[in-house]
Amino acid sequence: MAYKQRCIACKKNMVLITFYTQRPVCLQCEMKDISDPITNQKWKKFFDIDTTLYEKNSFLRSIKRNYLRQGTLTQKQKETFLKVVKQQRL
């Protein structure tokens, strides 16, 4: 069962919740969350993709958020990120 809930960050926008463990965060707040600058040139180039891809795909936003929190990614995360980016560009 899907329902709408207010965003926990801005408390203004409504978010469609489709699973009970999903965090209710709107797209605008998520995009602000992942917009922090990346100083490492290698990772900066890795995450330098079109903004619309981040807006369309919550998985890509999740991977970038994980990098910003932890400072690194696993090899599997890197491979899957590149695979999804390639699929989205087609």
PDB file of N, CA and C in Angstrom:
ATOM      1  N   MET A   1       0.832  -1.171   0.000  1.00  0.00           N
ATOM      2  CA  MET A   1       0.000   0.000   0.000  1.00  0.00           C
ATOM      3  C   MET A   1       0.888   1.251   0.000  1.00  0.00           C
ATOM      4  N   ALA A   2       0.629   2.153  -0.890  1.00  0.00           N
ATOM      5  CA  ALA A   2       1.392   3.394  -0.989  1.00  0.00           C
ATOM      6  C   ALA A   2       0.590   4.528  -0.349  1.00  0.00           C
ATOM      7  N   TYR A   3       1.304   5.436   0.266  1.00  0.00           N
ATOM      8  CA  TYR A   3       0.674   6.597   0.880  1.00  0.00           C
ATOM      9  C   TYR A   3       1.645   7.768   0.822  1.00  0.00           C
ATOM     10  N   LYS A   4       1.141   8.963   1.102  1.00  0.00           N
ATOM     11  CA  LYS A   4       1.985  10.150   1.095  1.00  0.00           C
ATOM     12  C   LYS A   4       2.252  10.610   2.522  1.00  0.00           C
ATOM     13  N   GLN A   5       3.475  11.109   2.715  1.00  0.00           N
ATOM     14  CA  GLN A   5       3.886  11.616   4.024  1.00  0.00           C
ATOM     15  C   GLN A   5       4.733  12.861   3.799  1.00  0.00           C
ATOM     16  N   ARG A   6       4.722  13.767   4.749  1.00  0.00           N
ATOM     17  CA  ARG A   6       5.537  14.984   4.636  1.00  0.00           C
ATOM     18  C   ARG A   6       7.015  14.644   4.734  1.00  0.00           C
ATOM     19  N   CYS A   7       7.816  15.406   4.000  1.00  0.00           N
ATOM     20  CA  CYS A   7       9.268  15.259   4.033  1.00  0.00           C
ATOM     21  C   CYS A   7       9.770  15.530   5.447  1.00  0.00           C
ATOM     22  N   ILE A   8      10.681  14.680   5.944  1.00  0.00           N
ATOM     23  CA  ILE A   8      11.184  14.867   7.304  1.00  0.00           C
ATOM     24  C   ILE A   8      12.224  15.984   7.387  1.00  0.00           C
ATOM     25  N   ALA A   9      12.721  16.441   6.243  1.00  0.00           N
ATOM     26  CA  ALA A   9      13.732  17.508   6.245  1.00  0.00           C
ATOM     27  C   ALA A   9      13.083  18.894   6.174  1.00  0.00           C
ATOM     28  N   CYS A  10      12.266  19.118   5.162  1.00  0.00           N
ATOM     29  CA  CYS A  10      11.683  20.453   4.977  1.00  0.00           C
ATOM     30  C   CYS A  10      10.273  20.574   5.561  1.00  0.00           C
ATOM     31  N   LYS A  11       9.616  19.456   5.796  1.00  0.00           N
ATOM     32  CA  LYS A  11       8.258  19.408   6.346  1.00  0.00           C
ATOM     33  C   LYS A  11       7.248  20.168   5.486  1.00  0.00           C
ATOM     34  N   LYS A  12       7.571  20.343   4.192  1.00  0.00           N
ATOM     35  CA  LYS A  12       6.699  21.100   3.296  1.00  0.00           C
ATOM     36  C   LYS A  12       6.161  20.205   2.190  1.00  0.00           C
ATOM     37  N   ASN A  13       7.050  19.494   1.510  1.00  0.00           N
ATOM     38  CA  ASN A  13       6.661  18.672   0.372  1.00  0.00           C
ATOM     39  C   ASN A  13       6.173  17.297   0.817  1.00  0.00           C
ATOM     40  N   MET A  14       5.301  16.725  -0.003  1.00  0.00           N
ATOM     41  CA  MET A  14       4.793  15.385   0.261  1.00  0.00           C
ATOM     42  C   MET A  14       5.625  14.374  -0.538  1.00  0.00           C
ATOM     43  N   VAL A  15       5.840  13.199   0.069  1.00  0.00           N
ATOM     44  CA  VAL A  15       6.650  12.147  -0.540  1.00  0.00           C
ATOM     45  C   VAL A  15       5.804  10.881  -0.599  1.00  0.00           C
ATOM     46  N   LEU A  16       5.826  10.199  -1.743  1.00  0.00           N
ATOM     47  CA  LEU A  16       5.111   8.935  -1.887  1.00  0.00           C
ATOM     48  C   LEU A  16       5.929   7.831  -1.226  1.00  0.00           C
ATOM     49  N   ILE A  17       5.361   7.182  -0.230  1.00  0.00           N
ATOM     50  CA  ILE A  17       6.018   6.098   0.491  1.00  0.00           C
ATOM     51  C   ILE A  17       5.462   4.784  -0.034  1.00  0.00           C
ATOM     52  N   THR A  18       6.369   3.908  -0.495  1.00  0.00           N
ATOM     53  CA  THR A  18       5.924   2.635  -1.060  1.00  0.00           C
ATOM     54  C   THR A  18       6.349   1.438  -0.230  1.00  0.00           C
ATOM     55  N   PHE A  19       7.233   1.668   0.748  1.00  0.00           N
ATOM     56  CA  PHE A  19       7.691   0.581   1.613  1.00  0.00           C
ATOM     57  C   PHE A  19       7.852   1.130   3.019  1.00  0.00           C
ATOM     58  N   TYR A  20       7.512   0.350   4.026  1.00  0.00           N
ATOM     59  CA  TYR A  20       7.435   0.876   5.387  1.00  0.00           C
ATOM     60  C   TYR A  20       8.767   1.330   5.971  1.00  0.00           C
ATOM     61  N   THR A  21       9.902   0.912   5.425  1.00  0.00           N
ATOM     62  CA  THR A  21      11.194   1.359   5.954  1.00  0.00           C
ATOM     63  C   THR A  21      11.771   2.535   5.159  1.00  0.00           C
ATOM     64  N   GLN A  22      11.058   3.006   4.184  1.00  0.00           N
ATOM     65  CA  GLN A  22      11.529   4.108   3.342  1.00  0.00           C
ATOM     66  C   GLN A  22      11.540   5.416   4.128  1.00  0.00           C
ATOM     67  N   ARG A  23      12.635   6.185   3.983  1.00  0.00           N
ATOM     68  CA  ARG A  23      12.729   7.497   4.624  1.00  0.00           C
ATOM     69  C   ARG A  23      11.968   8.521   3.789  1.00  0.00           C
ATOM     70  N   PRO A  24      11.047   9.264   4.384  1.00  0.00           N
ATOM     71  CA  PRO A  24      10.299  10.263   3.620  1.00  0.00           C
ATOM     72  C   PRO A  24      11.098  11.557   3.432  1.00  0.00           C
ATOM     73  N   VAL A  25      11.886  11.601   2.369  1.00  0.00           N
ATOM     74  CA  VAL A  25      12.665  12.795   2.031  1.00  0.00           C
ATOM     75  C   VAL A  25      12.341  13.156   0.587  1.00  0.00           C
ATOM     76  N   CYS A  26      11.975  14.413   0.355  1.00  0.00           N
ATOM     77  CA  CYS A  26      11.601  14.851  -0.992  1.00  0.00           C
ATOM     78  C   CYS A  26      12.845  14.984  -1.882  1.00  0.00           C
ATOM     79  N   LEU A  27      12.613  15.048  -3.165  1.00  0.00           N
ATOM     80  CA  LEU A  27      13.698  15.133  -4.138  1.00  0.00           C
ATOM     81  C   LEU A  27      14.562  16.377  -3.927  1.00  0.00           C
ATOM     82  N   GLN A  28      13.928  17.515  -3.651  1.00  0.00           N
ATOM     83  CA  GLN A  28      14.685  18.755  -3.450  1.00  0.00           C
ATOM     84  C   GLN A  28      15.643  18.632  -2.258  1.00  0.00           C
ATOM     85  N   CYS A  29      15.186  18.044  -1.167  1.00  0.00           N
ATOM     86  CA  CYS A  29      16.042  17.884   0.016  1.00  0.00           C
ATOM     87  C   CYS A  29      17.149  16.869  -0.251  1.00  0.00           C
ATOM     88  N   GLU A  30      16.842  15.809  -0.985  1.00  0.00           N
ATOM     89  CA  GLU A  30      17.877  14.833  -1.331  1.00  0.00           C
ATOM     90  C   GLU A  30      18.945  15.456  -2.226  1.00  0.00           C
ATOM     91  N   MET A  31      18.534  16.276  -3.178  1.00  0.00           N
ATOM     92  CA  MET A  31      19.498  16.922  -4.075  1.00  0.00           C
ATOM     93  C   MET A  31      20.378  17.904  -3.287  1.00  0.00           C
ATOM     94  N   LYS A  32      19.822  18.599  -2.299  1.00  0.00           N
ATOM     95  CA  LYS A  32      20.635  19.469  -1.445  1.00  0.00           C
ATOM     96  C   LYS A  32      21.641  18.635  -0.657  1.00  0.00           C
ATOM     97  N   ASP A  33      21.185  17.469  -0.197  1.00  0.00           N
ATOM     98  CA  ASP A  33      22.013  16.578   0.613  1.00  0.00           C
ATOM     99  C   ASP A  33      23.241  16.086  -0.160  1.00  0.00           C
ATOM    100  N   ILE A  34      23.086  15.821  -1.454  1.00  0.00           N
ATOM    101  CA  ILE A  34      24.204  15.285  -2.240  1.00  0.00           C
ATOM    102  C   ILE A  34      24.961  16.359  -3.008  1.00  0.00           C
ATOM    103  N   SER A  35      24.660  17.620  -2.761  1.00  0.00           N
ATOM    104  CA  SER A  35      25.319  18.694  -3.502  1.00  0.00           C
ATOM    105  C   SER A  35      26.599  19.194  -2.832  1.00  0.00           C
ATOM    106  N   ASP A  36      27.012  18.582  -1.731  1.00  0.00           N
ATOM    107  CA  ASP A  36      28.258  18.979  -1.072  1.00  0.00           C
ATOM    108  C   ASP A  36      29.430  18.801  -2.034  1.00  0.00           C
ATOM    109  N   PRO A  37      30.392  19.714  -2.012  1.00  0.00           N
ATOM    110  CA  PRO A  37      31.529  19.606  -2.936  1.00  0.00           C
ATOM    111  C   PRO A  37      32.435  18.427  -2.604  1.00  0.00           C
ATOM    112  N   ILE A  38      32.980  17.812  -3.646  1.00  0.00           N
ATOM    113  CA  ILE A  38      33.915  16.700  -3.501  1.00  0.00           C
ATOM    114  C   ILE A  38      35.294  17.239  -3.838  1.00  0.00           C
ATOM    115  N   THR A  39      36.236  17.104  -2.917  1.00  0.00           N
ATOM    116  CA  THR A  39      37.570  17.678  -3.115  1.00  0.00           C
ATOM    117  C   THR A  39      38.520  16.740  -3.850  1.00  0.00           C
ATOM    118  N   ASN A  40      38.393  15.449  -3.665  1.00  0.00           N
ATOM    119  CA  ASN A  40      39.260  14.473  -4.324  1.00  0.00           C
ATOM    120  C   ASN A  40      38.942  14.458  -5.822  1.00  0.00           C
ATOM    121  N   GLN A  41      39.929  14.746  -6.668  1.00  0.00           N
ATOM    122  CA  GLN A  41      39.712  14.866  -8.114  1.00  0.00           C
ATOM    123  C   GLN A  41      39.233  13.559  -8.749  1.00  0.00           C
ATOM    124  N   LYS A  42      39.750  12.432  -8.262  1.00  0.00           N
ATOM    125  CA  LYS A  42      39.338  11.126  -8.803  1.00  0.00           C
ATOM    126  C   LYS A  42      37.836  10.907  -8.593  1.00  0.00           C
ATOM    127  N   TRP A  43      37.372  11.162  -7.379  1.00  0.00           N
ATOM    128  CA  TRP A  43      35.958  10.963  -7.062  1.00  0.00           C
ATOM    129  C   TRP A  43      35.098  12.059  -7.685  1.00  0.00           C
ATOM    130  N   LYS A  44      35.642  13.255  -7.797  1.00  0.00           N
ATOM    131  CA  LYS A  44      34.897  14.353  -8.412  1.00  0.00           C
ATOM    132  C   LYS A  44      34.559  13.992  -9.856  1.00  0.00           C
ATOM    133  N   LYS A  45      35.535  13.436 -10.576  1.00  0.00           N
ATOM    134  CA  LYS A  45      35.316  13.015 -11.956  1.00  0.00           C
ATOM    135  C   LYS A  45      34.335  11.836 -12.013  1.00  0.00           C
ATOM    136  N   PHE A  46      34.442  10.920 -11.056  1.00  0.00           N
ATOM    137  CA  PHE A  46      33.574   9.740 -11.007  1.00  0.00           C
ATOM    138  C   PHE A  46      32.103  10.148 -10.866  1.00  0.00           C
ATOM    139  N   PHE A  47      31.815  11.114 -10.005  1.00  0.00           N
ATOM    140  CA  PHE A  47      30.435  11.535  -9.744  1.00  0.00           C
ATOM    141  C   PHE A  47      29.971  12.664 -10.658  1.00  0.00           C
ATOM    142  N   ASP A  48      30.803  13.078 -11.615  1.00  0.00           N
ATOM    143  CA  ASP A  48      30.453  14.170 -12.518  1.00  0.00           C
ATOM    144  C   ASP A  48      29.576  13.649 -13.652  1.00  0.00           C
ATOM    145  N   ILE A  49      28.290  13.473 -13.347  1.00  0.00           N
ATOM    146  CA  ILE A  49      27.316  13.055 -14.357  1.00  0.00           C
ATOM    147  C   ILE A  49      26.214  14.102 -14.392  1.00  0.00           C
ATOM    148  N   ASP A  50      25.358  14.000 -15.371  1.00  0.00           N
ATOM    149  CA  ASP A  50      24.274  14.961 -15.536  1.00  0.00           C
ATOM    150  C   ASP A  50      23.351  14.950 -14.313  1.00  0.00           C
ATOM    151  N   THR A  51      22.945  16.105 -13.865  1.00  0.00           N
ATOM    152  CA  THR A  51      22.083  16.234 -12.690  1.00  0.00           C
ATOM    153  C   THR A  51      20.746  15.535 -12.888  1.00  0.00           C
ATOM    154  N   THR A  52      20.258  15.504 -14.111  1.00  0.00           N
ATOM    155  CA  THR A  52      18.967  14.857 -14.360  1.00  0.00           C
ATOM    156  C   THR A  52      19.029  13.356 -14.066  1.00  0.00           C
ATOM    157  N   LEU A  53      20.202  12.748 -14.237  1.00  0.00           N
ATOM    158  CA  LEU A  53      20.330  11.330 -13.898  1.00  0.00           C
ATOM    159  C   LEU A  53      20.155  11.123 -12.399  1.00  0.00           C
ATOM    160  N   TYR A  54      20.712  12.019 -11.599  1.00  0.00           N
ATOM    161  CA  TYR A  54      20.525  11.935 -10.143  1.00  0.00           C
ATOM    162  C   TYR A  54      19.059  12.156  -9.777  1.00  0.00           C
ATOM    163  N   GLU A  55      18.406  13.077 -10.484  1.00  0.00           N
ATOM    164  CA  GLU A  55      17.002  13.361 -10.184  1.00  0.00           C
ATOM    165  C   GLU A  55      16.102  12.180 -10.532  1.00  0.00           C
ATOM    166  N   LYS A  56      16.424  11.468 -11.603  1.00  0.00           N
ATOM    167  CA  LYS A  56      15.604  10.341 -12.044  1.00  0.00           C
ATOM    168  C   LYS A  56      15.814   9.080 -11.211  1.00  0.00           C
ATOM    169  N   ASN A  57      17.013   8.877 -10.678  1.00  0.00           N
ATOM    170  CA  ASN A  57      17.359   7.593 -10.099  1.00  0.00           C
ATOM    171  C   ASN A  57      17.772   7.720  -8.627  1.00  0.00           C
ATOM    172  N   SER A  58      16.972   7.156  -7.744  1.00  0.00           N
ATOM    173  CA  SER A  58      17.270   7.226  -6.311  1.00  0.00           C
ATOM    174  C   SER A  58      18.501   6.397  -5.948  1.00  0.00           C
ATOM    175  N   PHE A  59      18.808   5.368  -6.715  1.00  0.00           N
ATOM    176  CA  PHE A  59      19.993   4.554  -6.447  1.00  0.00           C
ATOM    177  C   PHE A  59      21.268   5.385  -6.612  1.00  0.00           C
ATOM    178  N   LEU A  60      21.338   6.188  -7.665  1.00  0.00           N
ATOM    179  CA  LEU A  60      22.513   7.026  -7.889  1.00  0.00           C
ATOM    180  C   LEU A  60      22.680   8.036  -6.756  1.00  0.00           C
ATOM    181  N   ARG A  61      21.560   8.609  -6.306  1.00  0.00           N
ATOM    182  CA  ARG A  61      21.619   9.546  -5.172  1.00  0.00           C
ATOM    183  C   ARG A  61      22.104   8.829  -3.918  1.00  0.00           C
ATOM    184  N   SER A  62      21.654   7.610  -3.729  1.00  0.00           N
ATOM    185  CA  SER A  62      22.046   6.830  -2.554  1.00  0.00           C
ATOM    186  C   SER A  62      23.542   6.547  -2.542  1.00  0.00           C
ATOM    187  N   ILE A  63      24.096   6.170  -3.683  1.00  0.00           N
ATOM    188  CA  ILE A  63      25.527   5.877  -3.769  1.00  0.00           C
ATOM    189  C   ILE A  63      26.349   7.134  -3.488  1.00  0.00           C
ATOM    190  N   LYS A  64      25.941   8.257  -4.055  1.00  0.00           N
ATOM    191  CA  LYS A  64      26.689   9.498  -3.822  1.00  0.00           C
ATOM    192  C   LYS A  64      26.584   9.908  -2.354  1.00  0.00           C
ATOM    193  N   ARG A  65      25.403   9.748  -1.757  1.00  0.00           N
ATOM    194  CA  ARG A  65      25.232  10.063  -0.343  1.00  0.00           C
ATOM    195  C   ARG A  65      26.128   9.169   0.516  1.00  0.00           C
ATOM    196  N   ASN A  66      26.230   7.895   0.170  1.00  0.00           N
ATOM    197  CA  ASN A  66      27.109   6.976   0.895  1.00  0.00           C
ATOM    198  C   ASN A  66      28.563   7.428   0.800  1.00  0.00           C
ATOM    199  N   TYR A  67      28.990   7.853  -0.387  1.00  0.00           N
ATOM    200  CA  TYR A  67      30.364   8.342  -0.539  1.00  0.00           C
ATOM    201  C   TYR A  67      30.604   9.574   0.329  1.00  0.00           C
ATOM    202  N   LEU A  68      29.662  10.522   0.304  1.00  0.00           N
ATOM    203  CA  LEU A  68      29.834  11.757   1.073  1.00  0.00           C
ATOM    204  C   LEU A  68      29.899  11.479   2.571  1.00  0.00           C
ATOM    205  N   ARG A  69      29.194  10.464   3.034  1.00  0.00           N
ATOM    206  CA  ARG A  69      29.224  10.116   4.455  1.00  0.00           C
ATOM    207  C   ARG A  69      30.488   9.355   4.836  1.00  0.00           C
ATOM    208  N   GLN A  70      30.874   8.375   4.004  1.00  0.00           N
ATOM    209  CA  GLN A  70      31.948   7.456   4.362  1.00  0.00           C
ATOM    210  C   GLN A  70      33.294   7.800   3.740  1.00  0.00           C
ATOM    211  N   GLY A  71      33.297   8.551   2.658  1.00  0.00           N
ATOM    212  CA  GLY A  71      34.551   8.938   2.024  1.00  0.00           C
ATOM    213  C   GLY A  71      35.107   7.922   1.042  1.00  0.00           C
ATOM    214  N   THR A  72      34.426   6.804   0.857  1.00  0.00           N
ATOM    215  CA  THR A  72      34.879   5.788  -0.089  1.00  0.00           C
ATOM    216  C   THR A  72      33.706   4.880  -0.466  1.00  0.00           C
ATOM    217  N   LEU A  73      33.906   4.079  -1.506  1.00  0.00           N
ATOM    218  CA  LEU A  73      32.906   3.115  -1.946  1.00  0.00           C
ATOM    219  C   LEU A  73      33.563   1.758  -2.121  1.00  0.00           C
ATOM    220  N   THR A  74      32.759   0.709  -2.043  1.00  0.00           N
ATOM    221  CA  THR A  74      33.279  -0.627  -2.317  1.00  0.00           C
ATOM    222  C   THR A  74      33.386  -0.803  -3.830  1.00  0.00           C
ATOM    223  N   GLN A  75      34.129  -1.802  -4.241  1.00  0.00           N
ATOM    224  CA  GLN A  75      34.281  -2.080  -5.669  1.00  0.00           C
ATOM    225  C   GLN A  75      32.921  -2.398  -6.300  1.00  0.00           C
ATOM    226  N   LYS A  76      32.093  -3.149  -5.592  1.00  0.00           N
ATOM    227  CA  LYS A  76      30.763  -3.512  -6.098  1.00  0.00           C
ATOM    228  C   LYS A  76      29.889  -2.267  -6.285  1.00  0.00           C
ATOM    229  N   GLN A  77      29.971  -1.321  -5.340  1.00  0.00           N
ATOM    230  CA  GLN A  77      29.206  -0.079  -5.467  1.00  0.00           C
ATOM    231  C   GLN A  77      29.656   0.713  -6.689  1.00  0.00           C
ATOM    232  N   LYS A  78      30.966   0.779  -6.911  1.00  0.00           N
ATOM    233  CA  LYS A  78      31.502   1.504  -8.075  1.00  0.00           C
ATOM    234  C   LYS A  78      31.019   0.872  -9.373  1.00  0.00           C
ATOM    235  N   GLU A  79      31.124  -0.454  -9.470  1.00  0.00           N
ATOM    236  CA  GLU A  79      30.715  -1.157 -10.690  1.00  0.00           C
ATOM    237  C   GLU A  79      29.239  -0.958 -10.969  1.00  0.00           C
ATOM    238  N   THR A  80      28.421  -1.093  -9.933  1.00  0.00           N
ATOM    239  CA  THR A  80      26.980  -0.953 -10.111  1.00  0.00           C
ATOM    240  C   THR A  80      26.600   0.475 -10.460  1.00  0.00           C
ATOM    241  N   PHE A  81      27.255   1.454  -9.854  1.00  0.00           N
ATOM    242  CA  PHE A  81      27.003   2.864 -10.170  1.00  0.00           C
ATOM    243  C   PHE A  81      27.263   3.107 -11.655  1.00  0.00           C
ATOM    244  N   LEU A  82      28.428   2.658 -12.149  1.00  0.00           N
ATOM    245  CA  LEU A  82      28.771   2.849 -13.562  1.00  0.00           C
ATOM    246  C   LEU A  82      27.794   2.127 -14.477  1.00  0.00           C
ATOM    247  N   LYS A  83      27.367   0.941 -14.087  1.00  0.00           N
ATOM    248  CA  LYS A  83      26.421   0.159 -14.882  1.00  0.00           C
ATOM    249  C   LYS A  83      25.079   0.889 -14.990  1.00  0.00           C
ATOM    250  N   VAL A  84      24.587   1.419 -13.871  1.00  0.00           N
ATOM    251  CA  VAL A  84      23.308   2.132 -13.863  1.00  0.00           C
ATOM    252  C   VAL A  84      23.406   3.414 -14.671  1.00  0.00           C
ATOM    253  N   VAL A  85      24.520   4.142 -14.546  1.00  0.00           N
ATOM    254  CA  VAL A  85      24.708   5.376 -15.327  1.00  0.00           C
ATOM    255  C   VAL A  85      24.677   5.052 -16.818  1.00  0.00           C
ATOM    256  N   LYS A  86      25.355   3.981 -17.202  1.00  0.00           N
ATOM    257  CA  LYS A  86      25.381   3.580 -18.610  1.00  0.00           C
ATOM    258  C   LYS A  86      23.976   3.231 -19.106  1.00  0.00           C
ATOM    259  N   GLN A  87      23.207   2.509 -18.295  1.00  0.00           N
ATOM    260  CA  GLN A  87      21.836   2.143 -18.667  1.00  0.00           C
ATOM    261  C   GLN A  87      20.938   3.380 -18.783  1.00  0.00           C
ATOM    262  N   GLN A  88      21.100   4.322 -17.874  1.00  0.00           N
ATOM    263  CA  GLN A  88      20.256   5.519 -17.861  1.00  0.00           C
ATOM    264  C   GLN A  88      20.548   6.421 -19.062  1.00  0.00           C
ATOM    265  N   ARG A  89      21.771   6.409 -19.544  1.00  0.00           N
ATOM    266  CA  ARG A  89      22.141   7.274 -20.678  1.00  0.00           C
ATOM    267  C   ARG A  89      21.617   6.758 -22.002  1.00  0.00           C
ATOM    268  N   LEU A  90      21.261   5.482 -22.070  1.00  0.00           N
ATOM    269  CA  LEU A  90      20.762   4.909 -23.324  1.00  0.00           C
ATOM    270  C   LEU A  90      19.394   5.375 -23.683  1.00  0.00           C
TER     271      LEU A  90
END
